[in-house]
Amino acid sequence: MIALLQRVREARVEVAGEVVGAIGPGLLAFVCAEPADTAVQAAKLVDKLLKLRIFADEAGKMNRSLQDVAGGLLLVSQFTLAADTASGNRPSFTGAAPAALGRSLFEEVLRLARARHAPVQAGIFAADMQVHLVNDGPVTIPLRLR
């Protein structure tokens, strides 16, 4: 699985002008499944999202996790993270999982995250979404889990 994490002061996702998910301080995670991914990678991703120490401690060092700070988690499916731009000027997205698998794995990530943490919000899989965020830091971290 591929993810792009952004530490945020706030974030929200809108679909057709309606807010479908919103958080205050926490983590916005754009998530992309790849063809060989399984529930094992989904579980690894959730573990990493909840435990990655990218929030400041009292000394201002990145030493606290999302769970430590009780921050919000906003999950957004984004197949474009699998873009291959090596040749030509039009990206190829063949590295992304087929839609049915992508949906299943995104829903598994969402289910596991909600079972282990609160609050967890999400966009809508395959919807035309508008994502609004205030990046904190800025802190943006790419992840690729196999």
Protein backbone atom coordinates (compact mmCIF):
# COMPACT_ATOMS: atom_id res chain seq x y z
CA MET A 1 0.00 0.00 0.00
CA ILE A 2 1.04 3.55 -0.65
CA ALA A 3 0.10 6.43 1.62
CA LEU A 4 0.87 10.11 1.78
CA LEU A 5 0.55 11.48 5.31
CA GLN A 6 0.07 15.09 6.25
CA ARG A 7 0.11 16.32 9.83
CA VAL A 8 -2.72 18.84 9.96
CA ARG A 9 -4.22 21.47 12.20
CA GLU A 10 -7.55 20.67 10.53
CA ALA A 11 -8.83 18.89 7.44
CA ARG A 12 -12.11 18.10 5.76
CA VAL A 13 -13.41 16.32 2.68
CA GLU A 14 -16.39 17.51 0.66
CA VAL A 15 -18.41 15.64 -1.94
CA ALA A 16 -20.93 17.61 -3.99
CA GLY A 17 -20.61 20.54 -1.58
CA GLU A 18 -21.30 18.47 1.54
CA VAL A 19 -18.71 17.73 4.23
CA VAL A 20 -18.40 13.94 4.48
CA GLY A 21 -15.46 13.84 6.89
CA ALA A 22 -13.64 16.38 9.05
CA ILE A 23 -11.03 16.43 11.80
CA GLY A 24 -9.24 18.96 13.95
CA PRO A 25 -5.55 18.45 14.77
CA GLY A 26 -4.27 15.09 13.58
CA LEU A 27 -3.35 13.19 10.47
CA LEU A 28 -4.69 13.27 6.92
CA ALA A 29 -3.79 10.06 5.10
CA PHE A 30 -4.21 9.63 1.36
CA VAL A 31 -4.30 5.87 0.71
CA CYS A 32 -3.71 3.80 -2.43
CA ALA A 33 -3.87 0.01 -2.72
CA GLU A 34 -1.61 -1.81 -5.16
CA PRO A 35 -2.56 -5.01 -7.04
CA ALA A 36 -0.62 -7.40 -4.77
CA ASP A 37 -1.90 -5.86 -1.51
CA THR A 38 -3.92 -7.86 0.99
CA ALA A 39 -5.44 -7.32 4.42
CA VAL A 40 -1.92 -7.83 5.80
CA GLN A 41 -0.75 -4.57 4.21
CA ALA A 42 -3.92 -2.82 5.36
CA ALA A 43 -3.20 -3.83 8.96
CA LYS A 44 0.44 -2.72 8.67
CA LEU A 45 -0.70 0.64 7.34
CA VAL A 46 -3.11 1.22 10.21
CA ASP A 47 -0.42 0.26 12.72
CA LYS A 48 1.99 2.74 11.12
CA LEU A 49 -0.63 5.51 10.98
CA LEU A 50 -1.42 5.17 14.65
CA LYS A 51 2.14 4.75 15.93
CA LEU A 52 4.31 6.94 13.68
CA ARG A 53 5.94 9.53 15.94
CA ILE A 54 5.46 12.77 14.03
CA PHE A 55 3.82 14.96 16.66
CA ALA A 56 5.78 17.25 18.95
CA ASP A 57 6.56 16.46 22.57
CA GLU A 58 7.15 19.09 25.28
CA ALA A 59 10.63 19.78 23.84
CA GLY A 60 9.25 20.32 20.34
CA LYS A 61 10.73 17.08 18.96
CA MET A 62 8.70 14.69 16.82
CA ASN A 63 8.30 12.06 19.49
CA ARG A 64 4.56 11.45 19.85
CA SER A 65 2.17 9.35 17.83
CA LEU A 66 -1.38 10.05 16.71
CA GLN A 67 -2.56 7.85 19.57
CA ASP A 68 -0.36 9.71 22.07
CA VAL A 69 -1.90 13.06 21.13
CA ALA A 70 -5.44 11.68 20.62
CA GLY A 71 -5.53 13.37 17.22
CA GLY A 72 -8.06 12.85 14.47
CA LEU A 73 -7.45 10.61 11.48
CA LEU A 74 -8.95 11.46 8.08
CA LEU A 75 -8.59 8.73 5.44
CA VAL A 76 -8.95 9.57 1.75
CA SER A 77 -8.65 7.02 -1.07
CA GLN A 78 -6.33 8.24 -3.82
CA PHE A 79 -5.35 5.87 -6.63
CA THR A 80 -3.17 8.57 -8.21
CA LEU A 81 -0.46 7.83 -5.63
CA ALA A 82 0.42 4.87 -7.87
CA ALA A 83 1.10 7.14 -10.85
CA ASP A 84 3.97 6.12 -13.11
CA THR A 85 5.43 9.20 -14.79
CA ALA A 86 8.61 7.57 -16.13
CA SER A 87 7.70 7.95 -19.79
CA GLY A 88 5.68 10.49 -21.68
CA ASN A 89 3.65 13.28 -20.19
CA ARG A 90 0.52 11.36 -19.24
CA PRO A 91 0.75 9.33 -16.03
CA SER A 92 -0.10 5.64 -16.06
CA PHE A 93 -2.13 4.30 -13.15
CA THR A 94 -1.66 0.57 -13.82
CA GLY A 95 0.21 0.36 -10.51
CA ALA A 96 -3.03 0.98 -8.61
CA ALA A 97 -5.21 -1.93 -7.54
CA PRO A 98 -8.35 -2.61 -9.59
CA ALA A 99 -11.33 -0.69 -8.20
CA ALA A 100 -12.96 -3.64 -6.40
CA LEU A 101 -9.75 -4.56 -4.59
CA GLY A 102 -8.94 -0.92 -3.88
CA ARG A 103 -12.38 -0.38 -2.35
CA SER A 104 -12.14 -3.55 -0.25
CA LEU A 105 -8.71 -2.64 1.12
CA PHE A 106 -9.66 0.99 1.78
CA GLU A 107 -12.71 -0.23 3.70
CA GLU A 108 -10.47 -2.63 5.65
CA VAL A 109 -8.09 0.20 6.58
CA LEU A 110 -11.09 2.27 7.69
CA ARG A 111 -12.57 -0.62 9.70
CA LEU A 112 -9.29 -1.39 11.47
CA ALA A 113 -8.57 2.26 12.20
CA ARG A 114 -12.04 2.81 13.70
CA ALA A 115 -11.64 -0.30 15.85
CA ARG A 116 -8.41 1.04 17.34
CA HIS A 117 -8.74 4.81 17.39
CA ALA A 118 -11.17 7.71 17.55
CA PRO A 119 -11.98 9.96 15.88
CA VAL A 120 -11.60 8.46 12.41
CA GLN A 121 -13.29 10.09 9.44
CA ALA A 122 -13.11 9.27 5.72
CA GLY A 123 -13.82 10.45 2.24
CA ILE A 124 -15.95 8.39 -0.13
CA PHE A 125 -14.18 5.83 -2.29
CA ALA A 126 -14.10 6.80 -6.01
CA ALA A 127 -16.01 10.02 -5.40
CA ASP A 128 -14.99 13.40 -6.81
CA MET A 129 -13.70 14.85 -3.54
CA GLN A 130 -12.46 18.26 -2.56
CA VAL A 131 -9.92 18.05 0.26
CA HIS A 132 -9.27 21.09 2.43
CA LEU A 133 -6.40 21.09 4.91
CA VAL A 134 -4.11 23.21 6.97
CA ASN A 135 -0.78 21.39 6.99
CA ASP A 136 0.99 21.64 10.36
CA GLY A 137 4.71 22.17 10.06
CA PRO A 138 4.50 21.50 7.17
CA VAL A 139 4.93 17.78 7.74
CA THR A 140 4.28 15.52 4.75
CA ILE A 141 5.53 11.92 4.77
CA PRO A 142 5.30 9.33 1.97
CA LEU A 143 4.88 5.66 2.94
CA ARG A 144 5.08 2.47 0.91
CA LEU A 145 4.27 -0.76 2.77
CA ARG A 146 4.79 -4.17 1.30
